[in-house]
Amino acid sequence: MRHALLGLSVILFSPLLLASQPDFPERIDVDEQTLVLRNESLLRYLFVDVYSAALLTPANVSPATAVSERSPLHLELYYYRNIDRDDVIKAAWVALERQHDSATLDRLRPEIDELHATFGDIESGDRYSLTLSDNQALKLKYNGAVVFTSDNEELARAYVGIWLEENGLSDRLRQRLLAER
């Protein structure tokens, strides 16, 4: 029992498990429109920091409105942990299956599979970003390099929805990203 408590306290209080907040861009330009940093949030799972997320939207549009009215937006994720690519893909499908009916997913599956084919194992310090343009085209970047693009608005909204729509990966993270400041 004593060893279990010692092990638990090492896990809970280890400085290796305490993540520092990454530097997210304060602003970016998308289609000649400036998006500004609106909110940041940390996703923690079982006392372990997994990733931080940041949402940028037009300055005159609230984060929630940007999502509901299909404004341009930029979602950036900074990872604190190594994560196997298969686990990332599995988590994405779990959220997508909660959020969409089978007909929608069947229609989107080829492009989702193409997007997932760009994934590698995530290492601590890696960044992914999803940017939706004014016309709702999707650009996925991995560590600053574009790895996937699509003009399919339905795909773009569904994939960003993994983080920004109800029943996604984390309702708490979603609420923090969409909160008014």
C-alpha atoms as a PDB file:
ATOM      1  CA  MET A   1       0.000   0.000   0.000  1.00  0.00           C
ATOM      2  CA  ARG A   2       2.804   2.366   0.934  1.00  0.00           C
ATOM      3  CA  HIS A   3       4.533   1.771  -2.416  1.00  0.00           C
ATOM      4  CA  ALA A   4       1.287   2.455  -4.277  1.00  0.00           C
ATOM      5  CA  LEU A   5       0.826   5.783  -2.478  1.00  0.00           C
ATOM      6  CA  LEU A   6       4.431   6.721  -3.124  1.00  0.00           C
ATOM      7  CA  GLY A   7       4.030   5.842  -6.801  1.00  0.00           C
ATOM      8  CA  LEU A   8       0.821   7.872  -7.039  1.00  0.00           C
ATOM      9  CA  SER A   9       2.406  10.903  -5.384  1.00  0.00           C
ATOM     10  CA  VAL A  10       5.380  10.720  -7.762  1.00  0.00           C
ATOM     11  CA  ILE A  11       2.982  10.676 -10.717  1.00  0.00           C
ATOM     12  CA  LEU A  12       0.808  13.491  -9.377  1.00  0.00           C
ATOM     13  CA  PHE A  13       3.583  15.808  -8.349  1.00  0.00           C
ATOM     14  CA  SER A  14       6.350  15.040 -10.790  1.00  0.00           C
ATOM     15  CA  PRO A  15       7.656  18.211 -12.451  1.00  0.00           C
ATOM     16  CA  LEU A  16       7.817  16.235 -15.704  1.00  0.00           C
ATOM     17  CA  LEU A  17       4.016  16.136 -15.742  1.00  0.00           C
ATOM     18  CA  LEU A  18       3.562  19.867 -15.332  1.00  0.00           C
ATOM     19  CA  ALA A  19       3.391  21.482 -18.732  1.00  0.00           C
ATOM     20  CA  SER A  20       4.194  25.094 -19.418  1.00  0.00           C
ATOM     21  CA  GLN A  21       1.829  26.982 -21.682  1.00  0.00           C
ATOM     22  CA  PRO A  22       3.181  27.195 -25.241  1.00  0.00           C
ATOM     23  CA  ASP A  23       3.437  30.403 -27.210  1.00  0.00           C
ATOM     24  CA  PHE A  24       0.510  30.584 -29.604  1.00  0.00           C
ATOM     25  CA  PRO A  25       0.322  33.238 -32.315  1.00  0.00           C
ATOM     26  CA  GLU A  26      -1.453  36.418 -31.211  1.00  0.00           C
ATOM     27  CA  ARG A  27      -2.699  36.965 -34.775  1.00  0.00           C
ATOM     28  CA  ILE A  28      -2.543  35.418 -38.213  1.00  0.00           C
ATOM     29  CA  ASP A  29      -3.802  36.505 -41.617  1.00  0.00           C
ATOM     30  CA  VAL A  30      -6.240  34.270 -43.493  1.00  0.00           C
ATOM     31  CA  ASP A  31      -7.641  35.439 -46.840  1.00  0.00           C
ATOM     32  CA  GLU A  32      -6.644  39.040 -46.155  1.00  0.00           C
ATOM     33  CA  GLN A  33      -8.490  38.934 -42.826  1.00  0.00           C
ATOM     34  CA  THR A  34      -6.720  39.084 -39.477  1.00  0.00           C
ATOM     35  CA  LEU A  35      -7.604  36.443 -36.923  1.00  0.00           C
ATOM     36  CA  VAL A  36      -6.743  37.153 -33.290  1.00  0.00           C
ATOM     37  CA  LEU A  37      -6.094  34.838 -30.368  1.00  0.00           C
ATOM     38  CA  ARG A  38      -9.374  34.451 -28.494  1.00  0.00           C
ATOM     39  CA  ASN A  39      -8.837  31.622 -26.022  1.00  0.00           C
ATOM     40  CA  GLU A  40      -6.402  28.932 -24.946  1.00  0.00           C
ATOM     41  CA  SER A  41      -7.108  25.788 -22.978  1.00  0.00           C
ATOM     42  CA  LEU A  42      -5.263  22.782 -21.638  1.00  0.00           C
ATOM     43  CA  LEU A  43      -6.531  19.229 -22.102  1.00  0.00           C
ATOM     44  CA  ARG A  44      -5.617  17.094 -19.130  1.00  0.00           C
ATOM     45  CA  TYR A  45      -6.343  13.363 -18.959  1.00  0.00           C
ATOM     46  CA  LEU A  46      -5.909  11.482 -15.673  1.00  0.00           C
ATOM     47  CA  PHE A  47      -3.771  14.286 -14.172  1.00  0.00           C
ATOM     48  CA  VAL A  48      -1.484  14.390 -17.217  1.00  0.00           C
ATOM     49  CA  ASP A  49      -1.236  17.374 -19.551  1.00  0.00           C
ATOM     50  CA  VAL A  50      -1.863  16.059 -23.072  1.00  0.00           C
ATOM     51  CA  TYR A  51      -2.084  19.204 -25.220  1.00  0.00           C
ATOM     52  CA  SER A  52      -2.936  22.873 -25.195  1.00  0.00           C
ATOM     53  CA  ALA A  53      -5.284  24.327 -27.773  1.00  0.00           C
ATOM     54  CA  ALA A  54      -5.723  27.877 -29.004  1.00  0.00           C
ATOM     55  CA  LEU A  55      -8.514  29.380 -31.099  1.00  0.00           C
ATOM     56  CA  LEU A  56      -8.119  32.431 -33.312  1.00  0.00           C
ATOM     57  CA  THR A  57     -11.108  34.156 -34.949  1.00  0.00           C
ATOM     58  CA  PRO A  58     -11.822  37.556 -36.498  1.00  0.00           C
ATOM     59  CA  ALA A  59     -11.632  40.270 -33.818  1.00  0.00           C
ATOM     60  CA  ASN A  60     -15.225  41.378 -34.369  1.00  0.00           C
ATOM     61  CA  VAL A  61     -16.682  37.837 -34.164  1.00  0.00           C
ATOM     62  CA  SER A  62     -17.051  35.904 -30.919  1.00  0.00           C
ATOM     63  CA  PRO A  63     -15.528  32.421 -30.869  1.00  0.00           C
ATOM     64  CA  ALA A  64     -18.945  30.724 -30.646  1.00  0.00           C
ATOM     65  CA  THR A  65     -20.303  32.863 -33.469  1.00  0.00           C
ATOM     66  CA  ALA A  66     -17.248  32.099 -35.608  1.00  0.00           C
ATOM     67  CA  VAL A  67     -18.079  28.407 -35.317  1.00  0.00           C
ATOM     68  CA  SER A  68     -21.844  28.683 -35.802  1.00  0.00           C
ATOM     69  CA  GLU A  69     -21.741  31.250 -38.634  1.00  0.00           C
ATOM     70  CA  ARG A  70     -18.834  29.667 -40.475  1.00  0.00           C
ATOM     71  CA  SER A  71     -16.311  32.470 -40.121  1.00  0.00           C
ATOM     72  CA  PRO A  72     -12.657  31.851 -40.817  1.00  0.00           C
ATOM     73  CA  LEU A  73     -10.853  30.380 -37.830  1.00  0.00           C
ATOM     74  CA  HIS A  74      -7.599  28.820 -36.775  1.00  0.00           C
ATOM     75  CA  LEU A  75      -7.277  26.041 -34.188  1.00  0.00           C
ATOM     76  CA  GLU A  76      -3.785  25.159 -33.033  1.00  0.00           C
ATOM     77  CA  LEU A  77      -2.759  22.224 -30.829  1.00  0.00           C
ATOM     78  CA  TYR A  78       0.536  21.899 -28.967  1.00  0.00           C
ATOM     79  CA  TYR A  79       1.304  18.412 -27.629  1.00  0.00           C
ATOM     80  CA  TYR A  80       3.097  17.666 -24.352  1.00  0.00           C
ATOM     81  CA  ARG A  81       3.163  13.885 -24.749  1.00  0.00           C
ATOM     82  CA  ASN A  82       4.155  11.305 -27.304  1.00  0.00           C
ATOM     83  CA  ILE A  83       1.001   9.791 -28.805  1.00  0.00           C
ATOM     84  CA  ASP A  84       0.771   6.923 -31.264  1.00  0.00           C
ATOM     85  CA  ARG A  85      -0.848   7.952 -34.558  1.00  0.00           C
ATOM     86  CA  ASP A  86      -3.332   5.064 -34.337  1.00  0.00           C
ATOM     87  CA  ASP A  87      -4.566   6.399 -30.982  1.00  0.00           C
ATOM     88  CA  VAL A  88      -5.065   9.862 -32.503  1.00  0.00           C
ATOM     89  CA  ILE A  89      -7.027   8.435 -35.420  1.00  0.00           C
ATOM     90  CA  LYS A  90      -9.115   6.240 -33.129  1.00  0.00           C
ATOM     91  CA  ALA A  91     -10.001   9.232 -30.910  1.00  0.00           C
ATOM     92  CA  ALA A  92     -10.952  11.300 -33.975  1.00  0.00           C
ATOM     93  CA  TRP A  93     -13.288   8.566 -35.232  1.00  0.00           C
ATOM     94  CA  VAL A  94     -14.904   8.189 -31.799  1.00  0.00           C
ATOM     95  CA  ALA A  95     -15.742  11.905 -31.778  1.00  0.00           C
ATOM     96  CA  LEU A  96     -16.868  11.935 -35.410  1.00  0.00           C
ATOM     97  CA  GLU A  97     -19.143   8.940 -34.833  1.00  0.00           C
ATOM     98  CA  ARG A  98     -20.741  10.700 -31.832  1.00  0.00           C
ATOM     99  CA  GLN A  99     -21.297  13.849 -33.868  1.00  0.00           C
ATOM    100  CA  HIS A 100     -22.442  12.584 -37.284  1.00  0.00           C
ATOM    101  CA  ASP A 101     -24.733   9.972 -38.763  1.00  0.00           C
ATOM    102  CA  SER A 102     -23.353   7.053 -40.762  1.00  0.00           C
ATOM    103  CA  ALA A 103     -24.451   8.505 -44.136  1.00  0.00           C
ATOM    104  CA  THR A 104     -22.423  11.669 -43.496  1.00  0.00           C
ATOM    105  CA  LEU A 105     -19.380   9.702 -42.363  1.00  0.00           C
ATOM    106  CA  ASP A 106     -19.623   7.352 -45.357  1.00  0.00           C
ATOM    107  CA  ARG A 107     -19.617  10.381 -47.642  1.00  0.00           C
ATOM    108  CA  LEU A 108     -16.638  11.974 -45.842  1.00  0.00           C
ATOM    109  CA  ARG A 109     -14.642   8.792 -45.171  1.00  0.00           C
ATOM    110  CA  PRO A 110     -12.375   8.936 -48.268  1.00  0.00           C
ATOM    111  CA  GLU A 111     -11.192  12.458 -47.446  1.00  0.00           C
ATOM    112  CA  ILE A 112     -10.952  11.760 -43.713  1.00  0.00           C
ATOM    113  CA  ASP A 113      -8.829   8.712 -44.512  1.00  0.00           C
ATOM    114  CA  GLU A 114      -6.672  10.883 -46.795  1.00  0.00           C
ATOM    115  CA  LEU A 115      -6.264  13.441 -43.996  1.00  0.00           C
ATOM    116  CA  HIS A 116      -5.424  10.690 -41.477  1.00  0.00           C
ATOM    117  CA  ALA A 117      -2.835   9.241 -43.876  1.00  0.00           C
ATOM    118  CA  THR A 118      -0.769  12.401 -43.267  1.00  0.00           C
ATOM    119  CA  PHE A 119      -0.499  11.636 -39.533  1.00  0.00           C
ATOM    120  CA  GLY A 120       2.620  10.253 -37.942  1.00  0.00           C
ATOM    121  CA  ASP A 121       3.288   9.495 -34.313  1.00  0.00           C
ATOM    122  CA  ILE A 122       3.107  12.667 -32.250  1.00  0.00           C
ATOM    123  CA  GLU A 123       6.125  13.627 -30.180  1.00  0.00           C
ATOM    124  CA  SER A 124       6.265  16.042 -27.279  1.00  0.00           C
ATOM    125  CA  GLY A 125       6.547  19.575 -28.696  1.00  0.00           C
ATOM    126  CA  ASP A 126       4.726  18.831 -31.956  1.00  0.00           C
ATOM    127  CA  ARG A 127       2.045  21.188 -33.248  1.00  0.00           C
ATOM    128  CA  TYR A 128      -0.945  20.632 -35.482  1.00  0.00           C
ATOM    129  CA  SER A 129      -3.139  23.440 -36.768  1.00  0.00           C
ATOM    130  CA  LEU A 130      -6.415  23.496 -38.647  1.00  0.00           C
ATOM    131  CA  THR A 131      -7.280  26.670 -40.524  1.00  0.00           C
ATOM    132  CA  LEU A 132     -10.615  27.337 -42.164  1.00  0.00           C
ATOM    133  CA  SER A 133     -10.583  30.081 -44.775  1.00  0.00           C
ATOM    134  CA  ASP A 134     -13.364  32.501 -45.615  1.00  0.00           C
ATOM    135  CA  ASN A 135     -14.815  29.977 -48.095  1.00  0.00           C
ATOM    136  CA  GLN A 136     -14.391  27.178 -45.508  1.00  0.00           C
ATOM    137  CA  ALA A 137     -11.472  25.448 -47.217  1.00  0.00           C
ATOM    138  CA  LEU A 138      -9.372  23.434 -44.766  1.00  0.00           C
ATOM    139  CA  LYS A 139      -5.608  23.611 -44.340  1.00  0.00           C
ATOM    140  CA  LEU A 140      -3.901  21.184 -41.941  1.00  0.00           C
ATOM    141  CA  LYS A 141      -0.352  21.969 -40.849  1.00  0.00           C
ATOM    142  CA  TYR A 142       2.055  19.782 -38.919  1.00  0.00           C
ATOM    143  CA  ASN A 143       4.898  21.678 -37.252  1.00  0.00           C
ATOM    144  CA  GLY A 144       4.283  24.589 -39.619  1.00  0.00           C
ATOM    145  CA  ALA A 145       4.266  22.608 -42.874  1.00  0.00           C
ATOM    146  CA  VAL A 146       1.053  22.154 -44.860  1.00  0.00           C
ATOM    147  CA  VAL A 147       0.287  18.425 -45.003  1.00  0.00           C
ATOM    148  CA  PHE A 148      -3.329  18.446 -46.203  1.00  0.00           C
ATOM    149  CA  THR A 149      -5.795  20.786 -47.892  1.00  0.00           C
ATOM    150  CA  SER A 150      -9.411  20.395 -48.940  1.00  0.00           C
ATOM    151  CA  ASP A 151     -12.070  22.633 -50.464  1.00  0.00           C
ATOM    152  CA  ASN A 152     -14.805  20.401 -49.026  1.00  0.00           C
ATOM    153  CA  GLU A 153     -16.649  22.612 -46.516  1.00  0.00           C
ATOM    154  CA  GLU A 154     -18.477  19.653 -44.999  1.00  0.00           C
ATOM    155  CA  LEU A 155     -15.176  17.903 -44.273  1.00  0.00           C
ATOM    156  CA  ALA A 156     -13.645  21.101 -42.888  1.00  0.00           C
ATOM    157  CA  ARG A 157     -16.528  21.755 -40.496  1.00  0.00           C
ATOM    158  CA  ALA A 158     -16.743  18.111 -39.412  1.00  0.00           C
ATOM    159  CA  TYR A 159     -13.039  17.852 -38.655  1.00  0.00           C
ATOM    160  CA  VAL A 160     -12.758  21.150 -36.786  1.00  0.00           C
ATOM    161  CA  GLY A 161     -15.937  20.096 -35.002  1.00  0.00           C
ATOM    162  CA  ILE A 162     -13.985  17.340 -33.263  1.00  0.00           C
ATOM    163  CA  TRP A 163     -12.792  20.127 -30.938  1.00  0.00           C
ATOM    164  CA  LEU A 164     -15.364  22.890 -31.431  1.00  0.00           C
ATOM    165  CA  GLU A 165     -18.769  21.166 -31.656  1.00  0.00           C
ATOM    166  CA  GLU A 166     -20.786  19.372 -28.977  1.00  0.00           C
ATOM    167  CA  ASN A 167     -19.950  15.738 -28.239  1.00  0.00           C
ATOM    168  CA  GLY A 168     -16.395  16.128 -29.467  1.00  0.00           C
ATOM    169  CA  LEU A 169     -13.210  15.073 -27.730  1.00  0.00           C
ATOM    170  CA  SER A 170     -13.753  17.274 -24.664  1.00  0.00           C
ATOM    171  CA  ASP A 171     -16.770  19.410 -23.851  1.00  0.00           C
ATOM    172  CA  ARG A 172     -14.747  21.234 -21.203  1.00  0.00           C
ATOM    173  CA  LEU A 173     -12.020  22.147 -23.700  1.00  0.00           C
ATOM    174  CA  ARG A 174     -14.691  23.222 -26.195  1.00  0.00           C
ATOM    175  CA  GLN A 175     -16.397  25.464 -23.640  1.00  0.00           C
ATOM    176  CA  ARG A 176     -13.121  27.143 -22.728  1.00  0.00           C
ATOM    177  CA  LEU A 177     -12.177  27.740 -26.362  1.00  0.00           C
ATOM    178  CA  LEU A 178     -15.590  29.198 -27.218  1.00  0.00           C
ATOM    179  CA  ALA A 179     -15.994  31.316 -24.053  1.00  0.00           C
ATOM    180  CA  GLU A 180     -16.401  35.079 -24.218  1.00  0.00           C
ATOM    181  CA  ARG A 181     -13.590  36.951 -22.521  1.00  0.00           C
END
